[in-house]
Structure formats: C-alpha cells, structure tokens
N, C-alpha and C. Protein backbone atom coordinates (compact mmCIF):
# COMPACT_ATOMS: atom_id res chain seq x y z
N UNK A 1 -4.72 7.97 9.81
CA UNK A 1 -3.89 7.73 10.89
C UNK A 1 -3.31 6.67 10.93
N UNK A 2 -2.00 6.64 11.77
CA UNK A 2 -1.26 5.43 11.86
C UNK A 2 -1.50 4.89 13.11
N UNK A 3 -1.90 3.60 13.25
CA UNK A 3 -2.06 2.98 14.49
C UNK A 3 -1.16 1.77 14.84
N UNK A 4 -0.84 1.63 16.04
CA UNK A 4 0.04 0.27 16.53
C UNK A 4 -1.53 -0.57 17.21
N UNK A 5 -1.34 -1.92 16.83
CA UNK A 5 -2.04 -2.45 17.05
C UNK A 5 -1.80 -3.25 18.09
N UNK A 6 -3.11 -3.47 19.21
CA UNK A 6 -2.44 -4.69 20.55
C UNK A 6 -3.86 -5.28 20.57
N UNK A 7 -3.49 -6.78 19.93
CA UNK A 7 -4.57 -7.67 19.93
C UNK A 7 -4.51 -8.99 20.69
N UNK A 8 -3.24 -8.94 21.22
CA UNK A 8 -3.17 -10.32 22.05
C UNK A 8 -3.28 -9.73 23.82
N UNK A 9 -3.31 -10.83 24.64
CA UNK A 9 -3.70 -10.25 26.13
C UNK A 9 -2.19 -9.68 26.65
N UNK A 10 -1.04 -9.99 25.88
CA UNK A 10 0.01 -9.48 26.35
C UNK A 10 0.26 -7.84 26.07
N UNK A 11 -0.17 -7.64 24.80
CA UNK A 11 -0.07 -6.39 24.09
C UNK A 11 -1.02 -5.48 24.75
N UNK A 12 -2.14 -5.97 25.21
CA UNK A 12 -3.41 -5.26 25.70
C UNK A 12 -2.72 -4.69 26.92
N UNK A 13 -1.86 -5.88 27.88
CA UNK A 13 -1.66 -5.49 29.47
C UNK A 13 -0.52 -4.58 29.23
N UNK A 14 0.39 -4.48 28.34
CA UNK A 14 1.45 -3.77 28.10
C UNK A 14 1.03 -2.54 27.79
N UNK A 15 0.42 -2.40 26.56
CA UNK A 15 -0.06 -1.25 25.91
C UNK A 15 0.62 -0.32 26.03
N UNK A 16 0.93 1.03 26.73
CA UNK A 16 1.34 2.07 26.69
C UNK A 16 2.64 2.38 27.85
N UNK A 17 2.55 1.47 28.67
CA UNK A 17 3.52 1.32 29.86
C UNK A 17 4.93 1.45 29.60
N UNK A 18 5.20 2.46 30.35
CA UNK A 18 6.87 2.53 30.40
C UNK A 18 7.60 3.24 29.17
N UNK A 19 6.58 3.87 28.11
CA UNK A 19 7.05 4.35 27.25
C UNK A 19 7.15 5.89 27.27
N UNK A 20 8.16 6.31 26.75
CA UNK A 20 8.48 7.80 26.98
C UNK A 20 8.24 8.61 25.73
N UNK A 21 7.72 8.30 24.81
CA UNK A 21 7.74 8.74 23.50
C UNK A 21 6.04 8.80 23.58
N UNK A 22 5.52 9.98 23.37
CA UNK A 22 4.12 9.89 23.32
C UNK A 22 3.58 9.81 21.83
N UNK A 23 2.45 9.23 21.75
CA UNK A 23 2.10 9.49 20.46
C UNK A 23 1.75 10.90 19.54
N UNK A 24 2.09 10.85 18.39
CA UNK A 24 1.51 12.13 17.60
C UNK A 24 0.33 12.35 17.69
N UNK A 25 -0.42 13.42 17.40
CA UNK A 25 -1.80 13.78 17.20
C UNK A 25 -2.61 13.49 15.92
N UNK A 26 -1.74 12.30 15.44
CA UNK A 26 -1.77 11.69 14.12
C UNK A 26 -1.67 10.09 14.06
N UNK A 27 -1.57 9.58 15.52
CA UNK A 27 -1.20 8.31 15.62
C UNK A 27 -1.73 8.09 17.22
N UNK A 28 -1.74 6.47 17.21
CA UNK A 28 -2.24 6.06 18.33
C UNK A 28 -2.23 4.40 18.52
N UNK A 29 -2.75 3.97 19.49
CA UNK A 29 -2.66 2.42 19.81
C UNK A 29 -4.15 1.86 20.09
N UNK A 30 -4.11 1.21 19.20
CA UNK A 30 -5.58 0.54 18.81
C UNK A 30 -5.58 -0.93 19.68
N UNK A 31 -6.47 -0.91 20.58
CA UNK A 31 -6.84 -2.27 21.51
C UNK A 31 -7.80 -2.89 20.87
N UNK A 32 -7.19 -4.10 20.60
CA UNK A 32 -8.73 -5.05 20.07
C UNK A 32 -8.80 -6.20 20.79
N UNK A 33 -10.33 -6.32 21.04
CA UNK A 33 -10.70 -7.56 22.02
C UNK A 33 -11.69 -8.41 21.09
N UNK A 34 -11.56 -9.47 21.55
CA UNK A 34 -12.35 -10.86 20.99
C UNK A 34 -13.86 -10.33 21.10
N UNK A 35 -14.46 -9.77 22.18
CA UNK A 35 -15.81 -9.31 22.11
C UNK A 35 -16.19 -8.25 22.79
N UNK A 36 -17.18 -8.02 22.47
CA UNK A 36 -17.71 -6.33 23.32
C UNK A 36 -17.86 -6.61 24.56
N UNK A 37 -17.36 -5.68 25.66
CA UNK A 37 -17.52 -6.19 26.74
C UNK A 37 -17.20 -4.24 27.53
N UNK A 38 -17.04 -4.39 28.81
CA UNK A 38 -16.62 -3.12 29.47
C UNK A 38 -15.22 -3.06 30.02
N UNK A 39 -14.41 -2.37 29.31
CA UNK A 39 -12.99 -2.74 29.38
C UNK A 39 -12.31 -1.61 29.85
N UNK A 40 -11.65 -1.34 31.11
CA UNK A 40 -11.40 -0.25 31.80
C UNK A 40 -9.89 -0.30 31.64
N UNK A 41 -9.32 1.19 31.76
CA UNK A 41 -8.08 1.68 31.26
C UNK A 41 -6.91 2.19 32.39
N UNK A 42 -6.21 1.31 32.98
CA UNK A 42 -5.47 1.85 34.04
C UNK A 42 -4.33 2.35 33.66
N UNK A 43 -4.33 3.63 33.90
CA UNK A 43 -2.93 4.74 33.64
C UNK A 43 -2.05 4.40 34.13
N UNK A 44 -1.48 3.36 34.43
CA UNK A 44 -0.15 2.84 35.78
C UNK A 44 0.72 2.81 34.76
N UNK A 45 1.87 3.54 35.25
CA UNK A 45 3.35 3.74 34.32
C UNK A 45 3.24 4.24 33.18
N UNK A 46 2.04 5.22 32.90
CA UNK A 46 2.05 5.77 31.77
C UNK A 46 2.64 7.49 31.99
N UNK A 47 3.45 7.92 31.22
CA UNK A 47 4.11 9.04 31.29
C UNK A 47 3.55 10.28 31.22
N UNK A 48 2.19 10.30 30.41
CA UNK A 48 1.74 11.67 29.86
C UNK A 48 0.06 11.48 29.59
N UNK A 49 -0.68 12.30 29.75
CA UNK A 49 -1.91 12.16 29.63
C UNK A 49 -2.68 11.74 28.00
N UNK A 50 -4.00 11.09 28.10
CA UNK A 50 -4.05 10.34 27.05
C UNK A 50 -5.60 10.84 26.85
N UNK A 51 -5.97 10.85 25.34
CA UNK A 51 -7.55 10.83 25.07
C UNK A 51 -7.78 9.34 24.54
N UNK A 52 -8.81 8.94 25.13
CA UNK A 52 -9.31 7.58 25.14
C UNK A 52 -10.80 7.42 24.61
N UNK A 53 -10.74 6.53 23.35
CA UNK A 53 -12.10 6.37 22.70
C UNK A 53 -12.17 5.03 22.88
N UNK A 54 -13.46 4.71 23.12
CA UNK A 54 -14.07 3.25 23.11
C UNK A 54 -14.86 3.25 22.01
N UNK A 55 -15.00 2.11 21.12
CA UNK A 55 -16.04 1.83 20.01
C UNK A 55 -16.27 0.47 20.01
N UNK A 56 -17.67 0.29 19.47
CA UNK A 56 -18.36 -0.89 19.56
C UNK A 56 -17.77 -1.62 18.16
N UNK A 57 -18.69 -2.88 17.99
CA UNK A 57 -18.13 -3.56 16.77
C UNK A 57 -18.46 -3.38 15.65
N UNK A 58 -19.39 -2.16 15.28
CA UNK A 58 -19.84 -1.56 14.24
C UNK A 58 -18.93 -0.11 13.98
N UNK A 59 -17.87 0.15 15.01
CA UNK A 59 -17.22 1.30 14.79
C UNK A 59 -17.72 2.49 15.43
N UNK A 60 -18.86 2.36 16.06
CA UNK A 60 -19.75 3.89 16.66
C UNK A 60 -18.82 3.80 17.97
N UNK A 61 -18.51 5.01 18.24
CA UNK A 61 -18.09 5.53 19.76
C UNK A 61 -18.99 5.44 20.98
N UNK A 62 -18.72 4.92 21.76
CA UNK A 62 -19.66 4.39 23.11
C UNK A 62 -19.12 5.04 24.14
N UNK A 63 -17.88 5.62 24.12
CA UNK A 63 -17.46 6.65 25.68
C UNK A 63 -16.10 6.80 25.07
N UNK A 64 -15.84 8.08 25.73
CA UNK A 64 -14.64 9.14 25.17
C UNK A 64 -14.65 9.49 26.54
N UNK A 65 -13.11 9.75 26.63
CA UNK A 65 -12.45 10.48 27.82
C UNK A 65 -11.10 11.56 27.38
N UNK A 66 -11.45 12.64 27.58
CA UNK A 66 -10.30 13.58 27.18
C UNK A 66 -9.21 13.85 28.42
N UNK A 67 -7.96 14.00 27.94
CA UNK A 67 -7.16 14.24 29.02
C UNK A 67 -7.10 13.57 30.10
N UNK A 68 -7.15 12.13 29.85
CA UNK A 68 -7.00 10.89 30.90
C UNK A 68 -5.76 11.24 31.74
N UNK A 69 -5.73 11.81 32.76
CA UNK A 69 -4.13 11.88 33.66
C UNK A 69 -3.90 10.50 34.10
N UNK A 70 -2.49 10.13 33.78
CA UNK A 70 -2.16 9.14 34.51
C UNK A 70 -1.97 8.91 35.84
N UNK A 71 -1.59 7.88 36.32
CA UNK A 71 -1.90 7.54 38.16
C UNK A 71 -0.54 8.30 38.60
N UNK A 72 -0.59 8.97 39.69
CA UNK A 72 0.43 9.89 40.23
C UNK A 72 0.59 8.89 41.67
N UNK A 73 -0.39 8.31 42.20
CA UNK A 73 -0.28 7.22 43.09
C UNK A 73 -0.68 6.03 43.16
N UNK A 74 -0.18 4.94 43.04
CA UNK A 74 -0.59 3.43 42.93
C UNK A 74 -1.53 2.88 43.84
N UNK A 75 -1.84 3.72 44.99
CA UNK A 75 -2.72 3.09 46.11
C UNK A 75 -3.93 3.79 45.63
N UNK A 76 -4.31 4.58 45.22
CA UNK A 76 -5.54 5.33 44.58
C UNK A 76 -5.76 5.20 43.18
N UNK A 77 -5.90 4.26 42.75
CA UNK A 77 -6.33 4.12 41.18
C UNK A 77 -7.67 4.69 40.67
N UNK A 78 -8.31 4.99 41.75
CA UNK A 78 -9.74 5.53 40.97
C UNK A 78 -9.76 6.88 40.13
N UNK A 79 -8.73 7.68 40.48
CA UNK A 79 -8.32 8.75 39.57
C UNK A 79 -7.67 8.51 38.47
N UNK A 80 -7.15 7.16 38.13
CA UNK A 80 -6.49 7.01 36.87
C UNK A 80 -7.24 6.04 36.28
N UNK A 81 -7.95 5.45 36.68
CA UNK A 81 -8.95 4.34 35.90
C UNK A 81 -9.98 4.85 35.22
N UNK A 82 -10.18 4.39 33.69
CA UNK A 82 -11.50 5.18 33.08
C UNK A 82 -12.09 3.74 32.39
N UNK A 83 -13.16 3.84 32.54
CA UNK A 83 -14.03 2.66 31.92
C UNK A 83 -15.16 3.01 30.92
N UNK A 84 -15.48 2.35 30.07
CA UNK A 84 -16.69 2.61 29.08
C UNK A 84 -17.75 2.13 30.00
N UNK A 85 -19.11 2.77 29.24
CA UNK A 85 -20.20 2.40 30.40
C UNK A 85 -21.24 1.71 29.30
N UNK A 86 -20.64 1.50 28.22
CA UNK A 86 -21.66 0.70 27.02
C UNK A 86 -20.34 -0.30 26.55
N UNK A 87 -20.81 -1.60 26.16
CA UNK A 87 -19.91 -2.58 25.72
C UNK A 87 -19.31 -1.97 24.24
N UNK A 88 -17.68 -2.46 24.21
CA UNK A 88 -17.20 -1.82 23.30
C UNK A 88 -16.06 -3.19 23.00
N UNK A 89 -15.35 -3.03 21.67
CA UNK A 89 -14.75 -4.16 21.07
C UNK A 89 -13.32 -3.58 20.76
N UNK A 90 -13.13 -2.15 20.90
CA UNK A 90 -12.00 -1.52 20.52
C UNK A 90 -12.13 -0.08 21.47
N UNK A 91 -10.70 0.12 21.49
CA UNK A 91 -10.15 0.92 22.34
C UNK A 91 -8.98 2.09 21.81
N UNK A 92 -9.12 3.13 21.42
CA UNK A 92 -8.23 3.78 20.97
C UNK A 92 -7.80 4.86 21.65
N UNK A 93 -6.30 4.80 22.07
CA UNK A 93 -5.62 5.87 22.89
C UNK A 93 -4.54 6.38 22.34
N UNK A 94 -4.67 7.68 22.43
CA UNK A 94 -3.53 8.72 21.67
C UNK A 94 -3.50 9.78 22.93
N UNK A 95 -2.16 10.65 22.41
CA UNK A 95 -2.11 11.86 23.26
C UNK A 95 -3.15 12.73 23.65
N UNK A 96 -3.41 13.18 24.85
CA UNK A 96 -4.09 14.28 25.04
C UNK A 96 -4.33 15.40 24.27
N UNK A 97 -5.34 15.69 23.54
CA UNK A 97 -5.66 16.91 22.52
C UNK A 97 -5.98 16.24 20.97
N UNK A 98 -5.84 14.92 21.12
CA UNK A 98 -5.89 14.18 19.79
C UNK A 98 -7.65 14.60 19.52
N UNK A 99 -8.49 14.18 20.32
CA UNK A 99 -9.64 14.36 20.17
C UNK A 99 -10.29 15.93 19.88
N UNK A 100 -9.56 16.95 20.45
CA UNK A 100 -9.96 17.97 19.98
C UNK A 100 -9.09 18.28 18.56
N UNK A 101 -8.09 17.88 18.19
CA UNK A 101 -7.24 17.90 16.98
C UNK A 101 -8.12 17.15 15.68
N UNK A 102 -8.80 16.31 16.13
CA UNK A 102 -9.03 15.62 14.72
C UNK A 102 -10.51 15.89 14.79
N UNK A 103 -11.57 16.97 15.58
CA UNK A 103 -12.68 16.62 15.62
C UNK A 103 -13.47 15.45 15.92
N UNK A 104 -13.12 14.80 16.89
CA UNK A 104 -13.93 13.67 17.09
C UNK A 104 -14.89 13.90 18.01
N UNK A 105 -15.89 13.43 17.80
CA UNK A 105 -17.45 13.38 18.22
C UNK A 105 -18.14 12.63 18.50
N UNK A 106 -18.97 12.41 19.12
CA UNK A 106 -19.99 11.19 19.69
C UNK A 106 -20.34 10.55 18.59
N UNK A 107 -20.45 11.28 17.17
CA UNK A 107 -20.81 10.68 16.04
C UNK A 107 -19.82 10.15 15.26
N UNK A 108 -18.55 10.35 15.22
CA UNK A 108 -17.40 9.71 14.97
C UNK A 108 -17.40 8.25 14.55
N UNK A 109 -17.29 7.58 13.49
CA UNK A 109 -17.04 6.20 13.31
C UNK A 109 -15.50 5.86 13.12
N UNK A 110 -15.20 4.61 13.77
CA UNK A 110 -14.03 4.04 13.41
C UNK A 110 -13.97 3.09 12.17
N UNK A 111 -13.03 3.50 11.25
CA UNK A 111 -12.64 2.62 10.00
C UNK A 111 -11.67 1.81 10.01
N UNK A 112 -11.26 0.50 9.99
CA UNK A 112 -9.91 -0.11 10.37
C UNK A 112 -9.57 -0.22 8.65
N UNK A 113 -8.58 0.30 8.16
CA UNK A 113 -8.11 0.09 6.73
C UNK A 113 -6.77 -0.43 6.90
N UNK A 114 -6.33 -1.64 6.49
CA UNK A 114 -4.88 -2.04 6.66
C UNK A 114 -4.28 -1.70 5.31
N UNK A 115 -2.89 -1.41 5.46
CA UNK A 115 -2.18 -0.77 4.65
C UNK A 115 -1.52 -1.89 3.46
C-alpha cells in the first residue's frame, strides 16, 4: 500500500483536515511519533469516516477503530475523538472500509518499506 507520511508536529496536527479527496482502500496516512504513547485522533474538519489503526514500535496493532465518524458538532468532541488504550508509535488512517477490505486483524503487523 502507499502511504503519505506525517512525521512532524505540523503534519500530524494538519493530517487529513479539510481534504475533500478521501484515500483509496490501498492508501492512507501514516502518523509517526517520536515515542510510544497514547495518541488521540480528533476528527474535526474531516469530511469522511475513517478506519484508524494504532501500532506499537514493533509494528503490532494495539488498537483498531472501524468507521470512525467525523465531528458533526465541534462542541461535543466525545463522539469524534478516538484514542488508543495501549502505547503506540504509529497511527495509520484510511477511508472507512480499509480494515475489512484488507483483512486487517488484531494480529496484523505494520512493516514500513521505503520505495
């Protein structure tokens, strides 16, 4: 799969906001953090539902969220904020349906291969 990398504070904060074009089911955005931690994804100004996957430093999935809905009310972020429950170093976001389409399970692994 092809991913766009967000590895700076600016890129991670901007991530998929205000984009009209949703990723194909064979692409996504990979957020890379400097250290494992709990990272929440607030789907403010996202225009479509997402599948979100959090991975630890070994590439093991620590949390999955299918069909995460974007915010429809900025005053109530509780329904559009998603957070891992175990430390992660990577978050992969793609269009809703990605997890099912690619048969992602809790035993799937992330392997980063640069082109």
